N, C-alpha and C. Protein backbone atom coordinates (compact mmCIF):
# COMPACT_ATOMS: atom_id res chain seq x y z
N MET A 1 20.82 -1.53 -12.12
CA MET A 1 19.90 -2.07 -11.13
C MET A 1 20.57 -1.98 -9.76
N THR A 2 19.83 -1.52 -8.74
CA THR A 2 20.39 -1.40 -7.40
C THR A 2 20.35 -2.74 -6.69
N ASP A 3 21.08 -2.80 -5.57
CA ASP A 3 21.07 -4.02 -4.76
C ASP A 3 19.66 -4.34 -4.27
N ALA A 4 18.90 -3.29 -3.91
CA ALA A 4 17.53 -3.51 -3.41
C ALA A 4 16.66 -4.11 -4.50
N GLU A 5 16.82 -3.64 -5.76
CA GLU A 5 16.03 -4.19 -6.86
C GLU A 5 16.41 -5.64 -7.12
N ASP A 6 17.72 -5.96 -6.97
CA ASP A 6 18.17 -7.35 -7.12
C ASP A 6 17.49 -8.25 -6.11
N GLU A 7 17.24 -7.72 -4.91
CA GLU A 7 16.64 -8.50 -3.83
C GLU A 7 15.12 -8.41 -3.81
N GLY A 8 14.50 -7.79 -4.82
CA GLY A 8 13.05 -7.71 -4.90
C GLY A 8 12.44 -6.66 -3.98
N ARG A 9 13.15 -5.56 -3.74
CA ARG A 9 12.65 -4.49 -2.91
C ARG A 9 12.75 -3.17 -3.64
N LEU A 10 11.84 -2.26 -3.35
CA LEU A 10 11.84 -0.93 -3.94
C LEU A 10 12.34 0.03 -2.88
N GLU A 11 13.35 0.83 -3.22
CA GLU A 11 13.87 1.80 -2.26
C GLU A 11 13.17 3.13 -2.44
N VAL A 12 12.69 3.69 -1.33
CA VAL A 12 12.08 5.00 -1.31
C VAL A 12 12.97 5.85 -0.43
N PRO A 13 13.53 6.96 -0.94
CA PRO A 13 14.43 7.78 -0.12
C PRO A 13 13.80 8.13 1.22
N GLY A 14 14.57 7.94 2.29
CA GLY A 14 14.11 8.30 3.63
C GLY A 14 13.28 7.24 4.31
N SER A 15 13.16 6.04 3.73
CA SER A 15 12.37 5.00 4.37
C SER A 15 13.02 3.65 4.13
N GLU A 16 12.51 2.65 4.78
CA GLU A 16 12.99 1.29 4.60
C GLU A 16 12.59 0.78 3.23
N PRO A 17 13.41 -0.11 2.61
CA PRO A 17 13.01 -0.67 1.32
C PRO A 17 11.67 -1.42 1.43
N VAL A 18 10.83 -1.28 0.39
CA VAL A 18 9.51 -1.89 0.35
C VAL A 18 9.58 -3.09 -0.60
N PRO A 19 9.07 -4.26 -0.18
CA PRO A 19 9.10 -5.42 -1.08
C PRO A 19 8.30 -5.17 -2.35
N VAL A 20 8.82 -5.64 -3.47
CA VAL A 20 8.13 -5.55 -4.75
C VAL A 20 7.37 -6.86 -4.95
N VAL A 21 6.12 -6.79 -5.38
CA VAL A 21 5.31 -7.98 -5.58
C VAL A 21 5.64 -8.58 -6.95
N ALA A 22 6.07 -9.82 -6.93
CA ALA A 22 6.39 -10.53 -8.16
C ALA A 22 5.16 -11.28 -8.65
N PRO A 23 5.11 -11.65 -9.92
CA PRO A 23 3.97 -12.43 -10.42
C PRO A 23 3.75 -13.67 -9.58
N GLY A 24 2.52 -13.94 -9.23
CA GLY A 24 2.18 -15.11 -8.43
C GLY A 24 2.22 -14.87 -6.93
N GLU A 25 2.79 -13.72 -6.49
CA GLU A 25 2.83 -13.41 -5.06
C GLU A 25 1.54 -12.69 -4.66
N ILE A 26 1.23 -12.74 -3.38
CA ILE A 26 0.05 -12.05 -2.86
C ILE A 26 0.46 -10.61 -2.55
N PRO A 27 -0.24 -9.63 -3.12
CA PRO A 27 0.11 -8.23 -2.85
C PRO A 27 -0.25 -7.83 -1.43
N LEU A 28 0.24 -6.67 -1.03
CA LEU A 28 -0.09 -6.12 0.28
C LEU A 28 -1.59 -5.90 0.40
N THR A 29 -2.11 -6.07 1.61
CA THR A 29 -3.51 -5.72 1.84
C THR A 29 -3.62 -4.20 1.84
N GLU A 30 -4.84 -3.69 1.75
CA GLU A 30 -5.04 -2.24 1.77
C GLU A 30 -4.53 -1.64 3.07
N ALA A 31 -4.75 -2.33 4.20
CA ALA A 31 -4.28 -1.84 5.49
C ALA A 31 -2.76 -1.81 5.54
N GLU A 32 -2.10 -2.84 5.00
CA GLU A 32 -0.64 -2.87 4.98
C GLU A 32 -0.09 -1.76 4.09
N ALA A 33 -0.73 -1.54 2.96
CA ALA A 33 -0.29 -0.48 2.05
C ALA A 33 -0.47 0.89 2.69
N ALA A 34 -1.60 1.10 3.36
CA ALA A 34 -1.84 2.38 4.03
C ALA A 34 -0.81 2.62 5.13
N HIS A 35 -0.48 1.57 5.87
CA HIS A 35 0.52 1.69 6.93
C HIS A 35 1.88 2.06 6.34
N ALA A 36 2.24 1.43 5.23
CA ALA A 36 3.51 1.74 4.57
C ALA A 36 3.54 3.19 4.10
N LEU A 37 2.41 3.69 3.58
CA LEU A 37 2.36 5.08 3.12
C LEU A 37 2.46 6.06 4.28
N ASP A 38 1.91 5.70 5.45
CA ASP A 38 1.97 6.58 6.60
C ASP A 38 3.40 6.85 7.03
N ASP A 39 4.29 5.88 6.84
CA ASP A 39 5.67 6.01 7.27
C ASP A 39 6.55 6.75 6.26
N MET A 40 6.04 6.99 5.07
CA MET A 40 6.83 7.64 4.04
C MET A 40 6.86 9.15 4.26
N PRO A 41 8.05 9.75 4.15
CA PRO A 41 8.10 11.21 4.25
C PRO A 41 7.47 11.81 3.00
N THR A 42 6.59 12.78 3.18
CA THR A 42 5.92 13.38 2.02
C THR A 42 5.38 14.75 2.37
N ASP A 43 5.26 15.56 1.35
CA ASP A 43 4.62 16.87 1.50
C ASP A 43 3.22 16.84 0.91
N ALA A 44 2.77 15.64 0.54
CA ALA A 44 1.44 15.50 -0.06
C ALA A 44 0.37 15.84 0.97
N PRO A 45 -0.76 16.37 0.52
CA PRO A 45 -1.85 16.66 1.45
C PRO A 45 -2.36 15.38 2.11
N ARG A 46 -2.73 15.47 3.37
CA ARG A 46 -3.29 14.34 4.11
C ARG A 46 -4.80 14.45 4.22
N VAL A 47 -5.32 15.67 4.06
CA VAL A 47 -6.76 15.91 4.19
C VAL A 47 -7.24 16.66 2.96
N GLY A 48 -8.35 16.19 2.40
CA GLY A 48 -8.99 16.90 1.30
C GLY A 48 -10.22 17.61 1.81
N ILE A 49 -10.34 18.88 1.49
CA ILE A 49 -11.52 19.66 1.87
C ILE A 49 -12.25 20.00 0.58
N ILE A 50 -13.48 19.51 0.48
CA ILE A 50 -14.27 19.78 -0.73
C ILE A 50 -15.57 20.47 -0.33
N MET A 51 -16.09 21.24 -1.27
CA MET A 51 -17.34 21.96 -1.01
C MET A 51 -18.13 22.09 -2.30
N GLY A 52 -19.42 22.25 -2.16
CA GLY A 52 -20.30 22.27 -3.32
C GLY A 52 -20.36 23.57 -4.08
N SER A 53 -19.87 24.67 -3.48
CA SER A 53 -20.00 25.98 -4.12
C SER A 53 -18.85 26.88 -3.71
N LYS A 54 -18.43 27.77 -4.64
CA LYS A 54 -17.40 28.76 -4.31
C LYS A 54 -17.81 29.63 -3.13
N SER A 55 -19.11 29.83 -2.97
CA SER A 55 -19.58 30.68 -1.87
C SER A 55 -19.31 30.06 -0.50
N ASP A 56 -18.96 28.77 -0.47
CA ASP A 56 -18.65 28.09 0.80
C ASP A 56 -17.17 28.17 1.15
N TRP A 57 -16.34 28.71 0.28
CA TRP A 57 -14.89 28.69 0.44
C TRP A 57 -14.44 29.31 1.77
N ASP A 58 -14.90 30.53 2.07
CA ASP A 58 -14.44 31.21 3.29
C ASP A 58 -14.84 30.44 4.54
N THR A 59 -16.03 29.86 4.54
CA THR A 59 -16.47 29.07 5.69
C THR A 59 -15.61 27.83 5.84
N MET A 60 -15.41 27.08 4.74
CA MET A 60 -14.66 25.83 4.81
C MET A 60 -13.17 26.05 5.06
N GLN A 61 -12.67 27.24 4.77
CA GLN A 61 -11.26 27.56 5.03
C GLN A 61 -10.95 27.44 6.52
N LYS A 62 -11.96 27.56 7.36
CA LYS A 62 -11.75 27.43 8.81
C LYS A 62 -11.26 26.04 9.19
N ALA A 63 -11.68 25.01 8.45
CA ALA A 63 -11.14 23.66 8.66
C ALA A 63 -9.68 23.64 8.27
N GLY A 64 -9.35 24.28 7.14
CA GLY A 64 -7.97 24.37 6.70
C GLY A 64 -7.10 25.09 7.70
N ASP A 65 -7.63 26.13 8.33
CA ASP A 65 -6.86 26.87 9.33
C ASP A 65 -6.48 25.97 10.51
N VAL A 66 -7.41 25.12 10.95
CA VAL A 66 -7.13 24.18 12.05
C VAL A 66 -6.02 23.22 11.63
N LEU A 67 -6.11 22.68 10.43
CA LEU A 67 -5.10 21.74 9.94
C LEU A 67 -3.74 22.41 9.79
N GLU A 68 -3.77 23.62 9.24
CA GLU A 68 -2.52 24.36 9.06
C GLU A 68 -1.83 24.64 10.39
N ALA A 69 -2.61 25.00 11.39
CA ALA A 69 -2.05 25.27 12.72
C ALA A 69 -1.38 24.03 13.31
N ALA A 70 -1.84 22.85 12.91
CA ALA A 70 -1.27 21.60 13.40
C ALA A 70 -0.16 21.08 12.48
N GLY A 71 0.13 21.81 11.41
CA GLY A 71 1.19 21.41 10.50
C GLY A 71 0.79 20.29 9.55
N VAL A 72 -0.51 20.12 9.32
CA VAL A 72 -1.00 19.06 8.43
C VAL A 72 -1.32 19.66 7.06
N HIS A 73 -0.75 19.08 6.02
CA HIS A 73 -1.00 19.54 4.66
C HIS A 73 -2.42 19.14 4.23
N TYR A 74 -3.07 20.04 3.50
CA TYR A 74 -4.42 19.78 3.02
C TYR A 74 -4.58 20.43 1.65
N GLU A 75 -5.66 20.05 0.97
CA GLU A 75 -6.01 20.67 -0.29
C GLU A 75 -7.48 21.03 -0.25
N MET A 76 -7.87 22.06 -1.00
CA MET A 76 -9.28 22.47 -1.07
C MET A 76 -9.72 22.53 -2.52
N ARG A 77 -10.94 22.02 -2.74
CA ARG A 77 -11.50 22.02 -4.09
C ARG A 77 -13.00 22.30 -4.02
N VAL A 78 -13.52 22.90 -5.08
CA VAL A 78 -14.96 23.11 -5.23
C VAL A 78 -15.45 22.11 -6.27
N MET A 79 -16.46 21.33 -5.89
CA MET A 79 -17.07 20.36 -6.82
C MET A 79 -18.49 20.07 -6.36
N SER A 80 -19.39 20.01 -7.29
CA SER A 80 -20.80 19.82 -6.97
C SER A 80 -21.22 18.38 -7.20
N ALA A 81 -21.86 17.80 -6.20
CA ALA A 81 -22.38 16.44 -6.33
C ALA A 81 -23.49 16.37 -7.37
N HIS A 82 -24.16 17.50 -7.61
CA HIS A 82 -25.27 17.52 -8.57
C HIS A 82 -24.83 17.92 -9.97
N ARG A 83 -23.98 18.92 -10.08
CA ARG A 83 -23.58 19.42 -11.39
C ARG A 83 -22.33 18.73 -11.95
N GLU A 84 -21.50 18.14 -11.08
CA GLU A 84 -20.26 17.48 -11.51
C GLU A 84 -20.07 16.13 -10.82
N PRO A 85 -21.03 15.24 -10.91
CA PRO A 85 -20.90 13.97 -10.17
C PRO A 85 -19.68 13.15 -10.58
N ASP A 86 -19.27 13.23 -11.84
CA ASP A 86 -18.10 12.48 -12.28
C ASP A 86 -16.82 13.03 -11.66
N VAL A 87 -16.75 14.34 -11.50
CA VAL A 87 -15.58 14.97 -10.88
C VAL A 87 -15.48 14.52 -9.42
N VAL A 88 -16.59 14.53 -8.72
CA VAL A 88 -16.62 14.09 -7.32
C VAL A 88 -16.18 12.62 -7.23
N ALA A 89 -16.74 11.78 -8.08
CA ALA A 89 -16.40 10.35 -8.04
C ALA A 89 -14.92 10.13 -8.32
N ASP A 90 -14.37 10.78 -9.33
CA ASP A 90 -12.95 10.62 -9.66
C ASP A 90 -12.06 11.11 -8.52
N TYR A 91 -12.39 12.27 -7.96
CA TYR A 91 -11.60 12.82 -6.87
C TYR A 91 -11.57 11.84 -5.69
N CYS A 92 -12.71 11.32 -5.32
CA CYS A 92 -12.80 10.45 -4.15
C CYS A 92 -12.19 9.07 -4.40
N ARG A 93 -12.36 8.53 -5.59
CA ARG A 93 -11.77 7.23 -5.92
C ARG A 93 -10.25 7.27 -5.86
N ASN A 94 -9.66 8.40 -6.22
CA ASN A 94 -8.20 8.53 -6.27
C ASN A 94 -7.59 9.17 -5.03
N ALA A 95 -8.40 9.53 -4.07
CA ALA A 95 -7.92 10.28 -2.91
C ALA A 95 -6.87 9.51 -2.10
N GLN A 96 -7.12 8.28 -1.78
CA GLN A 96 -6.17 7.51 -0.96
C GLN A 96 -4.86 7.30 -1.70
N MET A 97 -4.95 7.00 -2.98
CA MET A 97 -3.75 6.78 -3.79
C MET A 97 -2.87 8.04 -3.80
N ARG A 98 -3.49 9.21 -3.71
CA ARG A 98 -2.73 10.46 -3.72
C ARG A 98 -2.23 10.86 -2.34
N GLY A 99 -2.52 10.05 -1.32
CA GLY A 99 -2.00 10.31 0.01
C GLY A 99 -3.00 10.87 1.00
N LEU A 100 -4.23 11.15 0.56
CA LEU A 100 -5.22 11.66 1.51
C LEU A 100 -5.61 10.56 2.49
N ARG A 101 -5.92 10.96 3.71
CA ARG A 101 -6.36 10.03 4.75
C ARG A 101 -7.76 10.33 5.24
N VAL A 102 -8.26 11.54 4.97
CA VAL A 102 -9.60 11.98 5.40
C VAL A 102 -10.11 12.98 4.37
N ILE A 103 -11.43 12.96 4.15
CA ILE A 103 -12.07 13.97 3.30
C ILE A 103 -13.09 14.71 4.16
N ILE A 104 -13.02 16.03 4.12
CA ILE A 104 -14.01 16.89 4.77
C ILE A 104 -14.86 17.47 3.65
N ALA A 105 -16.18 17.27 3.72
CA ALA A 105 -17.07 17.72 2.65
C ALA A 105 -18.14 18.64 3.23
N GLY A 106 -18.15 19.87 2.76
CA GLY A 106 -19.15 20.84 3.22
C GLY A 106 -20.17 21.13 2.14
N ALA A 107 -21.43 21.14 2.52
CA ALA A 107 -22.49 21.41 1.55
C ALA A 107 -23.74 21.90 2.25
N GLY A 108 -24.52 22.71 1.55
CA GLY A 108 -25.79 23.19 2.07
C GLY A 108 -26.95 22.61 1.29
N LEU A 109 -28.14 23.10 1.60
CA LEU A 109 -29.37 22.64 0.98
C LEU A 109 -29.49 21.12 1.09
N SER A 110 -29.49 20.40 -0.02
CA SER A 110 -29.65 18.94 0.07
C SER A 110 -28.40 18.26 0.60
N ALA A 111 -27.28 18.95 0.62
CA ALA A 111 -26.01 18.47 1.19
C ALA A 111 -25.66 17.06 0.72
N ALA A 112 -25.72 16.85 -0.57
CA ALA A 112 -25.43 15.53 -1.13
C ALA A 112 -23.93 15.23 -1.22
N LEU A 113 -23.08 16.24 -1.16
CA LEU A 113 -21.65 16.04 -1.38
C LEU A 113 -21.00 15.07 -0.39
N PRO A 114 -21.25 15.17 0.92
CA PRO A 114 -20.61 14.21 1.83
C PRO A 114 -20.99 12.76 1.52
N GLY A 115 -22.24 12.50 1.24
CA GLY A 115 -22.67 11.14 0.91
C GLY A 115 -22.11 10.66 -0.40
N ALA A 116 -22.06 11.55 -1.40
CA ALA A 116 -21.49 11.17 -2.69
C ALA A 116 -20.01 10.85 -2.53
N ALA A 117 -19.32 11.62 -1.70
CA ALA A 117 -17.89 11.34 -1.45
C ALA A 117 -17.74 9.98 -0.79
N ALA A 118 -18.52 9.71 0.23
CA ALA A 118 -18.42 8.44 0.96
C ALA A 118 -18.76 7.25 0.08
N ALA A 119 -19.61 7.45 -0.91
CA ALA A 119 -19.98 6.36 -1.81
C ALA A 119 -18.83 5.95 -2.73
N HIS A 120 -17.83 6.81 -2.87
CA HIS A 120 -16.74 6.56 -3.82
C HIS A 120 -15.37 6.41 -3.17
N THR A 121 -15.30 6.26 -1.86
CA THR A 121 -14.01 6.08 -1.19
C THR A 121 -14.18 5.27 0.07
N GLY A 122 -13.12 4.62 0.48
CA GLY A 122 -13.11 3.92 1.76
C GLY A 122 -12.54 4.79 2.87
N LEU A 123 -12.12 6.00 2.52
CA LEU A 123 -11.58 6.92 3.52
C LEU A 123 -12.69 7.46 4.42
N PRO A 124 -12.35 7.87 5.64
CA PRO A 124 -13.34 8.55 6.47
C PRO A 124 -13.77 9.86 5.81
N VAL A 125 -15.07 10.13 5.84
CA VAL A 125 -15.62 11.37 5.29
C VAL A 125 -16.34 12.09 6.43
N ILE A 126 -15.99 13.37 6.59
CA ILE A 126 -16.62 14.20 7.62
C ILE A 126 -17.51 15.21 6.89
N GLY A 127 -18.79 15.18 7.18
CA GLY A 127 -19.73 16.09 6.55
C GLY A 127 -19.93 17.34 7.38
N VAL A 128 -19.90 18.48 6.72
CA VAL A 128 -20.16 19.77 7.37
C VAL A 128 -21.42 20.35 6.75
N PRO A 129 -22.57 20.25 7.45
CA PRO A 129 -23.78 20.87 6.91
C PRO A 129 -23.66 22.40 6.98
N LEU A 130 -24.04 23.05 5.89
CA LEU A 130 -23.91 24.50 5.81
C LEU A 130 -25.27 25.16 5.59
N THR A 131 -25.44 26.33 6.20
CA THR A 131 -26.67 27.07 5.98
C THR A 131 -26.63 27.73 4.61
N SER A 132 -27.79 28.10 4.13
CA SER A 132 -27.89 28.74 2.83
C SER A 132 -29.04 29.73 2.85
N SER A 133 -28.86 30.81 2.12
CA SER A 133 -29.96 31.79 2.03
C SER A 133 -31.15 31.20 1.29
N LEU A 134 -30.93 30.13 0.52
CA LEU A 134 -32.00 29.50 -0.24
C LEU A 134 -32.74 28.43 0.55
N SER A 135 -32.22 28.09 1.74
CA SER A 135 -32.81 27.01 2.53
C SER A 135 -34.12 27.44 3.16
N ALA A 136 -35.11 26.58 3.01
CA ALA A 136 -36.40 26.86 3.65
C ALA A 136 -36.41 26.39 5.09
N ALA A 137 -35.42 25.63 5.49
CA ALA A 137 -35.41 25.04 6.83
C ALA A 137 -34.27 25.55 7.70
N GLY A 138 -33.59 26.62 7.28
CA GLY A 138 -32.55 27.21 8.11
C GLY A 138 -31.35 26.32 8.36
N GLY A 139 -31.07 25.39 7.48
CA GLY A 139 -29.94 24.48 7.64
C GLY A 139 -30.32 23.10 8.10
N LEU A 140 -31.55 22.93 8.58
CA LEU A 140 -32.00 21.60 9.03
C LEU A 140 -31.95 20.60 7.88
N ASP A 141 -32.29 21.05 6.67
CA ASP A 141 -32.24 20.17 5.51
C ASP A 141 -30.82 19.63 5.29
N ALA A 142 -29.81 20.48 5.44
CA ALA A 142 -28.42 20.06 5.27
C ALA A 142 -28.00 19.10 6.38
N ILE A 143 -28.40 19.40 7.61
CA ILE A 143 -28.07 18.51 8.73
C ILE A 143 -28.64 17.12 8.48
N LEU A 144 -29.92 17.05 8.13
CA LEU A 144 -30.55 15.75 7.91
C LEU A 144 -29.92 15.00 6.74
N SER A 145 -29.53 15.72 5.70
CA SER A 145 -28.90 15.07 4.55
C SER A 145 -27.55 14.45 4.92
N VAL A 146 -26.82 15.09 5.81
CA VAL A 146 -25.50 14.59 6.21
C VAL A 146 -25.64 13.42 7.18
N VAL A 147 -26.56 13.50 8.13
CA VAL A 147 -26.61 12.45 9.17
C VAL A 147 -27.47 11.25 8.79
N GLN A 148 -28.37 11.39 7.84
CA GLN A 148 -29.27 10.29 7.48
C GLN A 148 -28.73 9.49 6.30
N MET A 149 -27.57 8.89 6.47
CA MET A 149 -26.96 8.12 5.40
C MET A 149 -27.42 6.67 5.49
N PRO A 150 -27.52 6.00 4.35
CA PRO A 150 -27.95 4.60 4.37
C PRO A 150 -26.83 3.69 4.89
N PRO A 151 -27.17 2.50 5.34
CA PRO A 151 -26.15 1.55 5.81
C PRO A 151 -25.10 1.31 4.73
N GLY A 152 -23.85 1.27 5.14
CA GLY A 152 -22.76 1.02 4.22
C GLY A 152 -22.14 2.27 3.61
N VAL A 153 -22.71 3.44 3.88
CA VAL A 153 -22.17 4.70 3.37
C VAL A 153 -22.02 5.65 4.56
N PRO A 154 -21.02 5.37 5.43
CA PRO A 154 -20.89 6.18 6.65
C PRO A 154 -20.33 7.57 6.38
N VAL A 155 -20.91 8.55 7.06
CA VAL A 155 -20.42 9.93 7.03
C VAL A 155 -20.47 10.43 8.47
N ALA A 156 -19.33 10.89 8.97
CA ALA A 156 -19.32 11.55 10.28
C ALA A 156 -19.90 12.94 10.08
N ALA A 157 -20.53 13.48 11.09
CA ALA A 157 -21.15 14.81 10.96
C ALA A 157 -20.72 15.70 12.11
N VAL A 158 -20.47 16.95 11.78
CA VAL A 158 -20.22 17.97 12.80
C VAL A 158 -21.39 18.95 12.74
N GLY A 159 -21.38 19.90 13.64
CA GLY A 159 -22.48 20.85 13.74
C GLY A 159 -22.60 21.77 12.54
N LEU A 160 -23.78 22.35 12.42
CA LEU A 160 -24.10 23.28 11.34
C LEU A 160 -23.08 24.42 11.30
N ASP A 161 -22.50 24.66 10.12
CA ASP A 161 -21.52 25.73 9.91
C ASP A 161 -20.32 25.61 10.86
N ASN A 162 -19.86 24.39 11.11
CA ASN A 162 -18.77 24.19 12.07
C ASN A 162 -17.60 23.43 11.45
N PRO A 163 -16.95 23.98 10.44
CA PRO A 163 -15.81 23.29 9.84
C PRO A 163 -14.61 23.20 10.77
N LYS A 164 -14.53 24.07 11.78
CA LYS A 164 -13.41 23.96 12.74
C LYS A 164 -13.45 22.59 13.42
N ASN A 165 -14.63 22.14 13.81
CA ASN A 165 -14.72 20.82 14.44
C ASN A 165 -14.37 19.72 13.44
N ALA A 166 -14.69 19.92 12.17
CA ALA A 166 -14.31 18.93 11.15
C ALA A 166 -12.79 18.85 11.06
N GLY A 167 -12.12 19.98 11.11
CA GLY A 167 -10.65 19.99 11.11
C GLY A 167 -10.09 19.27 12.33
N GLN A 168 -10.68 19.53 13.49
CA GLN A 168 -10.22 18.86 14.72
C GLN A 168 -10.45 17.36 14.64
N LEU A 169 -11.59 16.94 14.12
CA LEU A 169 -11.88 15.51 13.99
C LEU A 169 -10.92 14.86 13.00
N ALA A 170 -10.62 15.54 11.91
CA ALA A 170 -9.67 15.01 10.94
C ALA A 170 -8.30 14.80 11.59
N LEU A 171 -7.88 15.74 12.43
CA LEU A 171 -6.60 15.59 13.14
C LEU A 171 -6.61 14.37 14.04
N ARG A 172 -7.70 14.13 14.71
CA ARG A 172 -7.81 12.94 15.57
C ARG A 172 -7.77 11.66 14.76
N ILE A 173 -8.43 11.67 13.61
CA ILE A 173 -8.47 10.47 12.77
C ILE A 173 -7.08 10.11 12.26
N ILE A 174 -6.31 11.11 11.84
CA ILE A 174 -4.98 10.81 11.31
C ILE A 174 -3.91 10.78 12.39
N GLY A 175 -4.30 11.04 13.62
CA GLY A 175 -3.36 10.96 14.73
C GLY A 175 -2.36 12.08 14.78
N ALA A 176 -2.74 13.26 14.32
CA ALA A 176 -1.82 14.40 14.32
C ALA A 176 -2.03 15.26 15.55
């Protein structure tokens, strides 16, 4: 047992010892825990980029390019709010625990992915409405789906087919 463990603290290499919560003690608040994680050195992704279809990959990569240019680690995944709702829910519920601070979600047509993501996380979600060859409204349907969220399920929105702005907004949110 280390000296820090004897004193009720957990040592994380490269950071100050973190107090360990003993039975009967009040644990850290979510804000305190998030602040502690921000100070930890890590190579974990800070931004998650998700999209509803593989066909959106090249477009959404533009958000990744902005993050990469700023030296911010990110991850990209394809998951459908309609065909894989459990995958979306699990990804978003565990995002903060894995070190993510922002989720960028791109989707076309009904564009349900940004709202589904926001319903399952307390992290900021940035919606990127995308055009589709199947859209009868030229992308207006995706825009309205992203911006018309019900109270309590906030989603930030950038312009149609504009993941670069989503990357820039994510950088501002995390202070990079």
